[in-house]
Amino acid sequence: IDPNQVVFGGHGDFGDLAPNTTWLLPVLEVGVGDNVTIVSLGTDLLIRAYDHSDRWNPYAGGELALIFFSKDDVSDDTDLGLSGILGIERQISGTHRFALEAKFEILDAPNVKFAAIWTFTN
């Protein structure tokens, strides 16, 4: 939302360092559309309310990211952005998880992002 974009990306999940807490989850996102390209390289801190493999688990947290903005008719810009995160996640199989997530601007980040996330491991 503002600009209207399609966002895709990836993240690395190296496991929980504390119970129900994922620290420093590296994230790369690319948004395209509305004559703007946004590349975000950041890290998430997520805290899960609980962790049950057989039901939806809520989580909340934040993201600190270096955000590169490129507009077709204006020069490029770079900001350090801060976003809040709210989501729900469910274990699909032993190694796969599915999540629905919303990121919202706190400081110099895109207004709102909605994401469907598929996480898989070896």
Protein backbone atom coordinates (compact mmCIF):
# COMPACT_ATOMS: atom_id res chain seq x y z
CA ILE A 1 0.00 0.00 0.00
CA ASP A 2 1.40 3.36 -1.14
CA PRO A 3 2.95 2.46 -3.49
CA ASN A 4 0.80 -0.44 -4.67
CA GLN A 5 3.28 -3.24 -5.24
CA VAL A 6 3.81 -6.94 -5.48
CA VAL A 7 6.51 -8.03 -3.03
CA PHE A 8 8.55 -11.23 -3.13
CA GLY A 9 11.58 -12.33 -1.20
CA GLY A 10 13.22 -14.81 1.07
CA HIS A 11 14.41 -15.25 4.61
CA GLY A 12 16.74 -17.50 6.55
CA ASP A 13 15.52 -19.20 9.71
CA PHE A 14 18.39 -20.57 11.76
CA GLY A 15 16.22 -21.76 14.63
CA ASP A 16 15.16 -20.31 17.94
CA LEU A 17 17.90 -19.02 20.22
CA ALA A 18 15.43 -18.82 23.11
CA PRO A 19 12.07 -20.59 23.58
CA ASN A 20 9.45 -19.19 21.15
CA THR A 21 11.84 -16.43 20.00
CA THR A 22 13.54 -16.13 16.61
CA TRP A 23 16.41 -13.66 16.71
CA LEU A 24 18.05 -11.99 13.75
CA LEU A 25 16.06 -13.61 10.96
CA PRO A 26 17.71 -12.22 7.78
CA VAL A 27 15.19 -11.00 5.21
CA LEU A 28 15.49 -9.83 1.58
CA GLU A 29 12.37 -8.39 -0.11
CA VAL A 30 11.86 -6.83 -3.53
CA GLY A 31 8.75 -4.81 -4.32
CA VAL A 32 7.79 -3.85 -7.88
CA GLY A 33 4.93 -1.78 -9.28
CA ASP A 34 3.56 1.76 -9.35
CA ASN A 35 6.75 2.92 -11.20
CA VAL A 36 8.77 2.18 -8.04
CA THR A 37 11.17 -0.60 -7.10
CA ILE A 38 11.89 -1.15 -3.42
CA VAL A 39 14.62 -3.49 -2.16
CA SER A 40 14.70 -4.18 1.57
CA LEU A 41 17.56 -5.96 3.33
CA GLY A 42 16.88 -6.42 7.00
CA THR A 43 16.56 -8.59 10.05
CA ASP A 44 13.50 -9.61 12.07
CA LEU A 45 13.02 -10.25 15.76
CA LEU A 46 9.91 -12.41 16.28
CA ILE A 47 8.32 -13.64 19.49
CA ARG A 48 5.73 -16.42 19.37
CA ALA A 49 2.91 -16.51 21.92
CA TYR A 50 3.20 -20.32 22.00
CA ASP A 51 4.41 -23.07 19.70
CA HIS A 52 1.99 -25.92 18.94
CA SER A 53 2.58 -27.88 15.75
CA ASP A 54 -1.09 -28.80 15.35
CA ARG A 55 -2.65 -25.30 15.35
CA TRP A 56 -2.14 -21.69 14.29
CA ASN A 57 0.41 -19.85 16.43
CA PRO A 58 0.38 -16.04 16.69
CA TYR A 59 3.62 -14.04 16.68
CA ALA A 60 4.67 -10.39 16.86
CA GLY A 61 7.90 -8.50 16.47
CA GLY A 62 9.74 -6.00 14.38
CA GLU A 63 12.08 -5.53 11.45
CA LEU A 64 15.04 -3.21 11.05
CA ALA A 65 15.96 -2.84 7.37
CA LEU A 66 18.07 -0.91 4.93
CA ILE A 67 15.56 0.13 2.23
CA PHE A 68 16.53 1.17 -1.30
CA PHE A 69 13.87 3.14 -3.23
CA SER A 70 14.14 3.58 -7.00
CA LYS A 71 11.48 5.64 -8.80
CA ASP A 72 11.32 5.87 -12.60
CA ASP A 73 11.09 9.65 -12.68
CA VAL A 74 13.08 10.58 -9.53
CA SER A 75 16.55 9.82 -8.23
CA ASP A 76 17.20 6.84 -5.96
CA ASP A 77 16.96 7.06 -2.18
CA THR A 78 18.06 4.89 0.77
CA ASP A 79 16.55 4.84 4.27
CA LEU A 80 16.91 2.87 7.47
CA GLY A 81 13.37 1.66 8.18
CA LEU A 82 11.63 0.15 11.17
CA SER A 83 8.46 -1.95 10.86
CA GLY A 84 6.18 -3.75 13.29
CA ILE A 85 5.10 -7.31 12.52
CA LEU A 86 1.96 -9.29 13.39
CA GLY A 87 1.37 -12.80 12.07
CA ILE A 88 0.07 -16.32 12.50
CA GLU A 89 1.97 -19.47 11.58
CA ARG A 90 1.16 -23.17 11.31
CA GLN A 91 3.34 -26.26 10.94
CA ILE A 92 2.36 -27.98 7.67
CA SER A 93 4.69 -30.98 7.91
CA GLY A 94 7.84 -31.85 9.82
CA THR A 95 9.90 -29.36 7.83
CA HIS A 96 7.35 -26.93 6.31
CA ARG A 97 5.51 -23.97 7.85
CA PHE A 98 2.93 -21.56 6.42
CA ALA A 99 2.34 -18.02 7.76
CA LEU A 100 0.16 -15.00 7.13
CA GLU A 101 1.85 -11.75 8.12
CA ALA A 102 1.32 -7.99 8.19
CA LYS A 103 4.17 -5.48 8.44
CA PHE A 104 3.36 -1.87 9.25
CA GLU A 105 5.50 1.25 9.18
CA ILE A 106 6.96 2.63 12.37
CA LEU A 107 9.75 4.73 10.79
CA ASP A 108 10.73 5.30 7.12
CA ALA A 109 9.35 1.98 5.81
CA PRO A 110 6.56 1.12 3.35
CA ASN A 111 3.16 1.79 4.98
CA VAL A 112 1.77 -1.74 5.10
CA LYS A 113 2.78 -5.12 3.64
CA PHE A 114 0.63 -8.26 3.65
CA ALA A 115 2.41 -11.56 3.03
CA ALA A 116 1.75 -15.26 2.67
CA ILE A 117 4.93 -17.10 3.65
CA TRP A 118 5.98 -20.69 2.93
CA THR A 119 8.99 -21.83 4.97
CA PHE A 120 10.81 -25.04 4.17
CA THR A 121 13.95 -26.67 5.50
CA ASN A 122 16.04 -29.74 4.73
